[in-house]
């Protein structure tokens, strides 16, 4: 189903009101709306593997894991995204109903149709979130993992996670074994 005709750009407020009435999810970026498509089996499996391990590792901590259907508001970029996974340790986010604002970690599982946007404009927007400490990209097809860590306000360090090496999230004091990331893909 296509989007209805709208005058662009539209405001974030109009997007939020419009999206509540829609049967499918859409992201909002600088006055434009982008329909989201369904995820592949590999994408869903990796997302669920990560959510399960993160929820277990963070039990009893102030941090919580949210996946797929929770929006993330990025004020500086006039955007609302649906990250595959976000972890927030902020009590105000835990009370939010419509969107989160202060993630500590964001994880995107790449798909061929969104990989360039996730690596480009979306990551550029994520980097401007003051609370964000780590950003992770997981490529199901290449079975690769990239972890970006904030070193300073504007400095991010990339670490390619070698196969069989755990994904460590220093900001959460969590390590997820490689085999758990890609469990049940075949």
N, C-alpha and C. Protein backbone atom coordinates (compact mmCIF):
# COMPACT_ATOMS: atom_id res chain seq x y z
N UNK A 1 0.84 -1.16 0.00
CA UNK A 1 0.00 0.00 0.00
C UNK A 1 0.89 1.24 0.00
N UNK A 2 0.64 2.16 -0.87
CA UNK A 2 1.43 3.37 -0.94
C UNK A 2 0.99 4.40 0.08
N UNK A 3 1.83 5.39 0.25
CA UNK A 3 1.49 6.48 1.16
C UNK A 3 0.50 7.41 0.49
N UNK A 4 -0.39 8.02 1.26
CA UNK A 4 -1.31 8.98 0.66
C UNK A 4 -0.54 10.21 0.20
N UNK A 5 -1.14 10.95 -0.73
CA UNK A 5 -0.51 12.18 -1.19
C UNK A 5 -0.43 13.18 -0.03
N UNK A 6 0.75 13.70 0.22
CA UNK A 6 0.95 14.67 1.28
C UNK A 6 1.84 15.78 0.75
N UNK A 7 1.61 16.96 1.26
CA UNK A 7 2.51 18.05 0.92
C UNK A 7 3.78 17.87 1.73
N UNK A 8 4.92 17.90 1.06
CA UNK A 8 6.20 17.74 1.73
C UNK A 8 6.88 19.09 1.80
N UNK A 9 7.64 19.37 2.78
CA UNK A 9 7.83 18.52 3.96
C UNK A 9 6.62 18.59 4.89
N UNK A 10 6.47 17.54 5.69
CA UNK A 10 5.42 17.55 6.71
C UNK A 10 6.10 17.71 8.06
N UNK A 11 5.35 18.14 9.03
CA UNK A 11 5.93 18.35 10.36
C UNK A 11 6.01 17.03 11.11
N UNK A 12 6.87 16.99 12.09
CA UNK A 12 6.99 15.80 12.94
C UNK A 12 5.68 15.52 13.65
N UNK A 13 4.98 16.55 14.08
CA UNK A 13 3.70 16.37 14.77
C UNK A 13 2.68 15.73 13.85
N UNK A 14 2.63 16.18 12.58
CA UNK A 14 1.71 15.58 11.62
C UNK A 14 2.07 14.13 11.34
N UNK A 15 3.37 13.84 11.24
CA UNK A 15 3.82 12.46 11.05
C UNK A 15 3.35 11.57 12.20
N UNK A 16 3.58 12.02 13.45
CA UNK A 16 3.20 11.21 14.61
C UNK A 16 1.69 10.95 14.63
N UNK A 17 0.90 11.94 14.33
CA UNK A 17 -0.56 11.76 14.30
C UNK A 17 -0.95 10.82 13.16
N UNK A 18 -0.36 11.01 11.99
CA UNK A 18 -0.66 10.18 10.83
C UNK A 18 -0.27 8.72 11.08
N UNK A 19 0.93 8.52 11.64
CA UNK A 19 1.42 7.15 11.79
C UNK A 19 0.57 6.34 12.77
N UNK A 20 0.02 6.97 13.77
CA UNK A 20 -0.82 6.25 14.73
C UNK A 20 -2.02 5.61 14.06
N UNK A 21 -2.43 6.14 12.94
CA UNK A 21 -3.61 5.64 12.22
C UNK A 21 -3.25 4.60 11.16
N UNK A 22 -1.96 4.32 10.97
CA UNK A 22 -1.54 3.45 9.89
C UNK A 22 -1.37 2.00 10.34
N UNK A 23 -1.61 1.04 9.44
CA UNK A 23 -1.42 -0.36 9.80
C UNK A 23 0.04 -0.80 9.75
N UNK A 24 0.89 0.01 9.13
CA UNK A 24 2.31 -0.33 9.03
C UNK A 24 3.16 0.81 9.59
N UNK A 25 4.44 0.49 9.83
CA UNK A 25 5.36 1.47 10.38
C UNK A 25 6.04 2.26 9.28
N UNK A 26 6.37 3.50 9.60
CA UNK A 26 7.13 4.36 8.70
C UNK A 26 8.09 5.19 9.54
N UNK A 27 9.25 5.46 8.98
CA UNK A 27 10.19 6.34 9.64
C UNK A 27 10.04 7.74 9.08
N UNK A 28 10.48 8.71 9.87
CA UNK A 28 10.36 10.11 9.50
C UNK A 28 11.75 10.72 9.56
N UNK A 29 12.12 11.43 8.49
CA UNK A 29 13.45 12.04 8.44
C UNK A 29 13.37 13.36 7.69
N UNK A 30 13.51 14.44 8.44
CA UNK A 30 13.59 15.78 7.88
C UNK A 30 12.43 16.11 6.93
N UNK A 31 11.22 15.84 7.41
CA UNK A 31 10.03 16.23 6.67
C UNK A 31 9.51 15.20 5.70
N UNK A 32 10.18 14.06 5.57
CA UNK A 32 9.74 13.02 4.66
C UNK A 32 9.43 11.74 5.44
N UNK A 33 8.51 10.96 4.88
CA UNK A 33 8.10 9.69 5.48
C UNK A 33 8.58 8.55 4.59
N UNK A 34 9.15 7.52 5.25
CA UNK A 34 9.67 6.37 4.53
C UNK A 34 9.02 5.10 5.07
N UNK A 35 8.28 4.41 4.21
CA UNK A 35 7.61 3.17 4.62
C UNK A 35 8.65 2.10 4.92
N UNK A 36 8.38 1.31 5.94
CA UNK A 36 9.27 0.22 6.30
C UNK A 36 8.70 -1.08 5.73
N UNK A 37 9.59 -1.93 5.28
CA UNK A 37 9.17 -3.22 4.73
C UNK A 37 9.45 -4.31 5.75
N UNK A 38 8.85 -5.45 5.56
CA UNK A 38 9.05 -6.57 6.47
C UNK A 38 10.49 -7.04 6.46
N UNK A 39 10.89 -7.66 7.55
CA UNK A 39 12.26 -8.14 7.72
C UNK A 39 12.37 -9.60 7.27
N UNK A 40 13.57 -9.98 6.87
CA UNK A 40 13.83 -11.37 6.48
C UNK A 40 13.92 -12.26 7.71
N UNK A 41 13.86 -13.55 7.49
CA UNK A 41 13.99 -14.52 8.59
C UNK A 41 15.33 -14.35 9.30
N UNK A 42 16.41 -14.15 8.54
CA UNK A 42 17.73 -13.97 9.16
C UNK A 42 17.76 -12.71 10.02
N UNK A 43 17.18 -11.65 9.50
CA UNK A 43 17.13 -10.38 10.21
C UNK A 43 16.40 -10.55 11.55
N UNK A 44 15.24 -11.16 11.51
CA UNK A 44 14.45 -11.38 12.72
C UNK A 44 15.19 -12.29 13.70
N UNK A 45 15.80 -13.35 13.19
CA UNK A 45 16.51 -14.30 14.05
C UNK A 45 17.66 -13.62 14.79
N UNK A 46 18.47 -12.84 14.07
CA UNK A 46 19.59 -12.14 14.71
C UNK A 46 19.07 -11.15 15.74
N UNK A 47 18.03 -10.41 15.39
CA UNK A 47 17.46 -9.45 16.32
C UNK A 47 17.00 -10.14 17.60
N UNK A 48 16.28 -11.24 17.46
CA UNK A 48 15.78 -11.95 18.64
C UNK A 48 16.92 -12.55 19.46
N UNK A 49 17.96 -13.07 18.80
CA UNK A 49 19.12 -13.59 19.53
C UNK A 49 19.74 -12.50 20.40
N UNK A 50 19.93 -11.33 19.81
CA UNK A 50 20.54 -10.23 20.55
C UNK A 50 19.64 -9.75 21.69
N UNK A 51 18.34 -9.63 21.42
CA UNK A 51 17.40 -9.20 22.47
C UNK A 51 17.44 -10.17 23.64
N UNK A 52 17.40 -11.46 23.35
CA UNK A 52 17.39 -12.47 24.42
C UNK A 52 18.65 -12.35 25.28
N UNK A 53 19.81 -12.26 24.65
CA UNK A 53 21.06 -12.17 25.41
C UNK A 53 21.17 -10.86 26.18
N UNK A 54 20.76 -9.77 25.56
CA UNK A 54 20.81 -8.48 26.24
C UNK A 54 19.86 -8.44 27.43
N UNK A 55 18.66 -8.94 27.26
CA UNK A 55 17.70 -8.94 28.37
C UNK A 55 18.24 -9.75 29.54
N UNK A 56 18.82 -10.89 29.25
CA UNK A 56 19.38 -11.73 30.30
C UNK A 56 20.55 -11.03 30.99
N UNK A 57 21.45 -10.44 30.20
CA UNK A 57 22.64 -9.80 30.76
C UNK A 57 22.30 -8.55 31.56
N UNK A 58 21.23 -7.87 31.20
CA UNK A 58 20.89 -6.60 31.86
C UNK A 58 19.87 -6.75 32.97
N UNK A 59 19.45 -7.97 33.24
CA UNK A 59 18.47 -8.19 34.31
C UNK A 59 18.99 -7.61 35.63
N UNK A 60 18.16 -6.85 36.29
CA UNK A 60 18.53 -6.24 37.56
C UNK A 60 19.26 -4.92 37.43
N UNK A 61 19.55 -4.51 36.21
CA UNK A 61 20.24 -3.23 36.00
C UNK A 61 19.19 -2.16 35.67
N UNK A 62 19.59 -0.90 35.62
CA UNK A 62 18.63 0.15 35.24
C UNK A 62 18.39 0.21 33.73
N UNK A 63 19.08 -0.62 32.99
CA UNK A 63 18.98 -0.59 31.52
C UNK A 63 17.93 -1.59 31.02
N UNK A 64 17.24 -1.19 29.95
CA UNK A 64 16.23 -2.06 29.35
C UNK A 64 16.42 -2.10 27.84
N UNK A 65 15.98 -3.22 27.27
CA UNK A 65 16.12 -3.48 25.84
C UNK A 65 14.76 -3.28 25.17
N UNK A 66 14.77 -2.57 24.05
CA UNK A 66 13.56 -2.38 23.25
C UNK A 66 13.89 -2.76 21.81
N UNK A 67 12.93 -3.37 21.14
CA UNK A 67 13.20 -3.85 19.78
C UNK A 67 12.08 -3.49 18.82
N UNK A 68 12.50 -3.25 17.61
CA UNK A 68 11.68 -3.15 16.40
C UNK A 68 10.52 -2.16 16.42
N UNK A 69 9.62 -2.26 17.38
CA UNK A 69 8.42 -1.43 17.34
C UNK A 69 8.50 -0.16 18.18
N UNK A 70 9.65 0.13 18.74
CA UNK A 70 9.80 1.33 19.56
C UNK A 70 10.54 2.40 18.76
N UNK A 71 9.91 3.55 18.64
CA UNK A 71 10.53 4.67 17.91
C UNK A 71 11.61 5.33 18.75
N UNK A 72 12.57 5.90 18.06
CA UNK A 72 13.62 6.70 18.67
C UNK A 72 13.53 8.11 18.08
N UNK A 73 13.38 9.10 18.94
CA UNK A 73 13.28 10.49 18.49
C UNK A 73 14.68 11.11 18.47
N UNK A 74 15.00 11.77 17.37
CA UNK A 74 16.27 12.47 17.21
C UNK A 74 15.94 13.93 16.93
N UNK A 75 15.91 14.73 17.98
CA UNK A 75 15.50 16.12 17.85
C UNK A 75 16.37 16.93 16.90
N UNK A 76 17.68 16.80 17.01
CA UNK A 76 18.58 17.61 16.20
C UNK A 76 18.42 17.35 14.71
N UNK A 77 17.96 16.16 14.37
CA UNK A 77 17.83 15.81 12.96
C UNK A 77 16.39 15.75 12.48
N UNK A 78 15.45 16.18 13.35
CA UNK A 78 14.04 16.14 12.98
C UNK A 78 13.70 14.76 12.41
N UNK A 79 13.92 13.74 13.25
CA UNK A 79 13.75 12.36 12.78
C UNK A 79 13.14 11.47 13.85
N UNK A 80 12.45 10.45 13.36
CA UNK A 80 11.95 9.35 14.19
C UNK A 80 12.29 8.07 13.45
N UNK A 81 13.12 7.24 14.09
CA UNK A 81 13.54 5.98 13.49
C UNK A 81 13.05 4.81 14.36
N UNK A 82 13.01 3.65 13.74
CA UNK A 82 12.73 2.40 14.45
C UNK A 82 14.00 1.55 14.42
N UNK A 83 14.91 1.74 15.37
CA UNK A 83 16.10 0.88 15.37
C UNK A 83 15.68 -0.57 15.62
N UNK A 84 16.47 -1.49 15.11
CA UNK A 84 16.17 -2.89 15.37
C UNK A 84 16.21 -3.17 16.86
N UNK A 85 17.23 -2.61 17.53
CA UNK A 85 17.36 -2.77 18.99
C UNK A 85 17.90 -1.46 19.55
N UNK A 86 17.34 -1.05 20.66
CA UNK A 86 17.95 0.05 21.40
C UNK A 86 17.92 -0.33 22.88
N UNK A 87 18.97 0.10 23.55
CA UNK A 87 19.06 -0.08 25.00
C UNK A 87 19.16 1.30 25.60
N UNK A 88 18.30 1.54 26.59
CA UNK A 88 18.33 2.81 27.30
C UNK A 88 18.38 2.54 28.80
N UNK A 89 19.10 3.37 29.49
CA UNK A 89 19.24 3.25 30.94
C UNK A 89 18.58 4.44 31.63
N UNK A 90 17.81 5.20 30.88
CA UNK A 90 17.19 6.43 31.35
C UNK A 90 15.76 6.14 31.84
N UNK A 91 15.47 6.50 33.08
CA UNK A 91 14.16 6.24 33.67
C UNK A 91 13.03 6.93 32.90
N UNK A 92 13.29 8.10 32.34
CA UNK A 92 12.23 8.78 31.59
C UNK A 92 11.88 8.01 30.31
N UNK A 93 12.86 7.38 29.69
CA UNK A 93 12.57 6.54 28.53
C UNK A 93 11.70 5.35 28.93
N UNK A 94 11.95 4.78 30.11
CA UNK A 94 11.18 3.60 30.55
C UNK A 94 9.71 3.94 30.78
N UNK A 95 9.41 5.21 30.97
CA UNK A 95 8.02 5.63 31.15
C UNK A 95 7.39 6.12 29.85
N UNK A 96 8.18 6.30 28.81
CA UNK A 96 7.69 6.83 27.54
C UNK A 96 6.80 5.80 26.83
N UNK A 97 5.76 6.29 26.20
CA UNK A 97 4.85 5.40 25.49
C UNK A 97 5.07 5.42 23.98
N UNK A 98 5.40 6.57 23.43
CA UNK A 98 5.44 6.69 21.98
C UNK A 98 6.85 6.61 21.39
N UNK A 99 7.84 7.12 22.10
CA UNK A 99 9.21 7.08 21.57
C UNK A 99 10.22 7.25 22.70
N UNK A 100 11.41 6.75 22.44
CA UNK A 100 12.55 6.91 23.34
C UNK A 100 13.40 8.07 22.85
N UNK A 101 14.25 8.60 23.75
CA UNK A 101 15.09 9.74 23.36
C UNK A 101 16.55 9.62 23.76
N UNK A 102 16.87 8.75 24.74
CA UNK A 102 18.24 8.74 25.27
C UNK A 102 18.84 7.33 25.29
N UNK A 103 19.08 6.74 24.12
CA UNK A 103 19.65 5.40 24.09
C UNK A 103 21.13 5.40 24.49
N UNK A 104 21.55 4.30 25.06
CA UNK A 104 22.97 4.07 25.33
C UNK A 104 23.60 3.29 24.19
N UNK A 105 22.84 2.32 23.68
CA UNK A 105 23.29 1.46 22.58
C UNK A 105 22.18 1.37 21.54
N UNK A 106 22.55 1.44 20.26
CA UNK A 106 21.63 1.18 19.16
C UNK A 106 22.27 0.11 18.28
N UNK A 107 21.46 -0.87 17.88
CA UNK A 107 21.92 -1.95 17.00
C UNK A 107 21.00 -1.99 15.79
N UNK A 108 21.60 -1.99 14.62
CA UNK A 108 20.86 -2.15 13.37
C UNK A 108 21.33 -3.44 12.70
N UNK A 109 20.37 -4.28 12.31
CA UNK A 109 20.66 -5.46 11.52
C UNK A 109 20.41 -5.06 10.07
N UNK A 110 21.44 -5.16 9.27
CA UNK A 110 21.38 -4.63 7.91
C UNK A 110 20.53 -5.50 6.99
N UNK A 111 19.88 -4.83 6.06
CA UNK A 111 19.20 -5.51 4.96
C UNK A 111 19.66 -4.83 3.68
N UNK A 112 19.61 -5.52 2.56
CA UNK A 112 20.10 -4.92 1.32
C UNK A 112 19.44 -3.59 0.98
N UNK A 113 18.17 -3.43 1.30
CA UNK A 113 17.46 -2.21 0.93
C UNK A 113 17.77 -1.02 1.84
N UNK A 114 18.28 -1.26 3.04
CA UNK A 114 18.50 -0.15 3.98
C UNK A 114 19.95 0.03 4.40
N UNK A 115 20.84 -0.85 3.98
CA UNK A 115 22.23 -0.83 4.46
C UNK A 115 22.93 0.50 4.23
N UNK A 116 22.78 1.08 3.06
CA UNK A 116 23.49 2.34 2.80
C UNK A 116 22.94 3.48 3.65
N UNK A 117 21.63 3.52 3.87
CA UNK A 117 21.06 4.56 4.73
C UNK A 117 21.47 4.34 6.18
N UNK A 118 21.45 3.06 6.65
CA UNK A 118 21.86 2.76 8.02
C UNK A 118 23.31 3.18 8.28
N UNK A 119 24.18 2.95 7.31
CA UNK A 119 25.59 3.31 7.46
C UNK A 119 25.85 4.80 7.26
N UNK A 120 24.99 5.46 6.50
CA UNK A 120 25.21 6.86 6.13
C UNK A 120 24.42 7.84 6.97
N UNK A 121 23.32 8.33 6.41
CA UNK A 121 22.55 9.39 7.07
C UNK A 121 22.02 8.98 8.44
N UNK A 122 21.61 7.74 8.58
CA UNK A 122 21.06 7.31 9.87
C UNK A 122 22.15 7.31 10.93
N UNK A 123 23.32 6.75 10.62
CA UNK A 123 24.40 6.75 11.59
C UNK A 123 24.87 8.18 11.88
N UNK A 124 24.88 9.04 10.88
CA UNK A 124 25.25 10.44 11.11
C UNK A 124 24.28 11.08 12.11
N UNK A 125 23.00 10.76 11.98
CA UNK A 125 22.01 11.29 12.93
C UNK A 125 22.20 10.68 14.31
N UNK A 126 22.42 9.37 14.38
CA UNK A 126 22.63 8.72 15.67
C UNK A 126 23.82 9.32 16.41
N UNK A 127 24.87 9.66 15.68
CA UNK A 127 26.08 10.20 16.32
C UNK A 127 25.82 11.50 17.07
N UNK A 128 24.74 12.19 16.73
CA UNK A 128 24.42 13.45 17.40
C UNK A 128 23.57 13.25 18.67
N UNK A 129 23.28 12.03 19.03
CA UNK A 129 22.53 11.76 20.26
C UNK A 129 23.55 11.76 21.40
N UNK A 130 23.45 12.71 22.32
CA UNK A 130 24.47 12.83 23.38
C UNK A 130 24.61 11.57 24.25
N UNK A 131 23.53 10.85 24.49
CA UNK A 131 23.58 9.69 25.38
C UNK A 131 24.16 8.44 24.71
N UNK A 132 24.20 8.41 23.37
CA UNK A 132 24.61 7.19 22.66
C UNK A 132 26.10 6.92 22.86
N UNK A 133 26.42 5.73 23.35
CA UNK A 133 27.81 5.34 23.60
C UNK A 133 28.32 4.37 22.54
N UNK A 134 27.42 3.48 22.04
CA UNK A 134 27.84 2.46 21.08
C UNK A 134 26.77 2.26 20.02
N UNK A 135 27.23 2.01 18.80
CA UNK A 135 26.37 1.73 17.66
C UNK A 135 26.91 0.49 16.98
N UNK A 136 26.04 -0.48 16.72
CA UNK A 136 26.46 -1.76 16.16
C UNK A 136 25.69 -2.03 14.88
N UNK A 137 26.42 -2.49 13.86
CA UNK A 137 25.83 -2.93 12.61
C UNK A 137 26.11 -4.42 12.45
N UNK A 138 25.06 -5.20 12.19
CA UNK A 138 25.21 -6.63 11.98
C UNK A 138 24.74 -6.93 10.56
N UNK A 139 25.59 -7.59 9.79
CA UNK A 139 25.25 -7.95 8.41
C UNK A 139 24.97 -9.46 8.37
N UNK A 140 23.70 -9.85 8.22
CA UNK A 140 23.36 -11.27 8.21
C UNK A 140 23.97 -12.03 7.04
N UNK A 141 24.07 -11.39 5.89
CA UNK A 141 24.57 -12.10 4.70
C UNK A 141 26.08 -12.33 4.79
N UNK A 142 26.81 -11.31 5.19
CA UNK A 142 28.27 -11.43 5.31
C UNK A 142 28.69 -12.04 6.64
N UNK A 143 27.73 -12.16 7.55
CA UNK A 143 28.02 -12.60 8.93
C UNK A 143 29.17 -11.77 9.50
N UNK A 144 28.95 -10.47 9.44
CA UNK A 144 29.95 -9.55 9.98
C UNK A 144 29.29 -8.62 10.98
N UNK A 145 30.14 -8.11 11.89
CA UNK A 145 29.67 -7.21 12.93
C UNK A 145 30.65 -6.05 13.05
N UNK A 146 30.11 -4.84 13.07
CA UNK A 146 30.92 -3.63 13.27
C UNK A 146 30.40 -2.94 14.51
N UNK A 147 31.31 -2.57 15.38
CA UNK A 147 30.93 -1.82 16.59
C UNK A 147 31.63 -0.47 16.58
N UNK A 148 30.83 0.58 16.69
CA UNK A 148 31.34 1.94 16.79
C UNK A 148 31.18 2.38 18.23
N UNK A 149 32.26 2.90 18.80
CA UNK A 149 32.25 3.35 20.18
C UNK A 149 32.59 4.83 20.24
N UNK A 150 31.80 5.58 21.01
CA UNK A 150 32.08 7.01 21.18
C UNK A 150 33.29 7.14 22.09
N UNK A 151 34.34 7.78 21.58
CA UNK A 151 35.56 8.01 22.34
C UNK A 151 35.48 9.39 22.99
N UNK A 152 34.97 10.34 22.26
CA UNK A 152 34.80 11.72 22.70
C UNK A 152 33.52 12.21 22.04
N UNK A 153 33.10 13.42 22.32
CA UNK A 153 31.85 13.93 21.76
C UNK A 153 31.71 13.68 20.26
N UNK A 154 32.73 14.00 19.50
CA UNK A 154 32.65 13.88 18.05
C UNK A 154 33.57 12.82 17.47
N UNK A 155 34.12 11.97 18.30
CA UNK A 155 35.06 10.95 17.82
C UNK A 155 34.48 9.57 18.08
N UNK A 156 34.35 8.80 17.00
CA UNK A 156 33.85 7.43 17.08
C UNK A 156 34.92 6.49 16.57
N UNK A 157 35.08 5.38 17.26
CA UNK A 157 36.09 4.39 16.88
C UNK A 157 35.38 3.14 16.36
N UNK A 158 35.80 2.68 15.19
CA UNK A 158 35.25 1.46 14.59
C UNK A 158 36.08 0.27 14.99
N UNK A 159 35.39 -0.80 15.35
CA UNK A 159 36.05 -2.09 15.58
C UNK A 159 35.27 -3.15 14.84
N UNK A 160 35.92 -3.78 13.85
CA UNK A 160 35.32 -4.93 13.20
C UNK A 160 35.48 -6.11 14.13
N UNK A 161 34.38 -6.76 14.44
CA UNK A 161 34.42 -7.91 15.35
C UNK A 161 34.79 -9.14 14.53
N UNK A 162 35.91 -9.74 14.86
CA UNK A 162 36.38 -10.91 14.12
C UNK A 162 35.47 -12.10 14.39
N UNK A 163 35.29 -12.96 13.38
CA UNK A 163 34.48 -14.16 13.60
C UNK A 163 34.99 -14.94 14.82
N UNK A 164 34.04 -15.46 15.54
CA UNK A 164 34.28 -16.24 16.77
C UNK A 164 34.68 -15.38 17.96
N UNK A 165 34.71 -14.05 17.79
CA UNK A 165 35.01 -13.13 18.88
C UNK A 165 33.71 -12.57 19.44
N UNK A 166 33.56 -12.51 20.75
CA UNK A 166 32.32 -11.96 21.31
C UNK A 166 32.13 -10.49 20.94
N UNK A 167 30.89 -10.08 20.81
CA UNK A 167 30.54 -8.68 20.67
C UNK A 167 30.50 -8.10 22.08
N UNK A 168 31.45 -7.22 22.38
CA UNK A 168 31.47 -6.59 23.70
C UNK A 168 30.84 -5.21 23.60
N UNK A 169 29.98 -4.93 24.54
CA UNK A 169 29.36 -3.61 24.66
C UNK A 169 29.84 -3.03 25.98
N UNK A 170 30.91 -2.28 25.91
CA UNK A 170 31.56 -1.76 27.11
C UNK A 170 30.64 -0.88 27.95
N UNK A 171 29.78 -0.10 27.29
CA UNK A 171 28.89 0.80 28.01
C UNK A 171 27.88 0.06 28.88
N UNK A 172 27.64 -1.21 28.55
CA UNK A 172 26.69 -2.03 29.31
C UNK A 172 27.38 -3.13 30.11
N UNK A 173 28.70 -3.28 29.92
CA UNK A 173 29.46 -4.36 30.54
C UNK A 173 28.87 -5.71 30.16
N UNK A 174 28.67 -5.88 28.84
CA UNK A 174 28.05 -7.09 28.30
C UNK A 174 28.93 -7.63 27.18
N UNK A 175 29.03 -8.96 27.11
CA UNK A 175 29.69 -9.63 25.99
C UNK A 175 28.75 -10.71 25.47
N UNK A 176 28.50 -10.69 24.18
CA UNK A 176 27.61 -11.67 23.56
C UNK A 176 28.45 -12.57 22.66
N UNK A 177 28.46 -13.88 22.94
CA UNK A 177 29.26 -14.79 22.12
C UNK A 177 28.87 -14.76 20.64
N UNK A 178 29.87 -14.87 19.79
CA UNK A 178 29.66 -14.85 18.33
C UNK A 178 28.62 -15.88 17.91
N UNK A 179 28.75 -17.09 18.42
CA UNK A 179 27.82 -18.14 17.98
C UNK A 179 26.37 -17.85 18.39
N UNK A 180 26.16 -17.05 19.42
CA UNK A 180 24.80 -16.66 19.82
C UNK A 180 24.21 -15.64 18.84
N UNK A 181 25.05 -14.77 18.32
CA UNK A 181 24.57 -13.77 17.36
C UNK A 181 23.92 -14.43 16.15
N UNK A 182 24.57 -15.46 15.63
CA UNK A 182 24.13 -16.07 14.38
C UNK A 182 23.50 -17.45 14.59
N UNK A 183 23.06 -17.71 15.79
CA UNK A 183 22.41 -18.99 16.11
C UNK A 183 21.11 -19.13 15.33
N UNK A 184 20.85 -20.34 14.86
CA UNK A 184 19.61 -20.72 14.17
C UNK A 184 19.40 -20.03 12.82
N UNK A 185 20.47 -19.62 12.15
CA UNK A 185 20.29 -19.00 10.85
C UNK A 185 20.13 -20.03 9.73
N UNK A 186 20.69 -21.21 9.91
CA UNK A 186 20.62 -22.21 8.83
C UNK A 186 19.54 -23.23 9.10
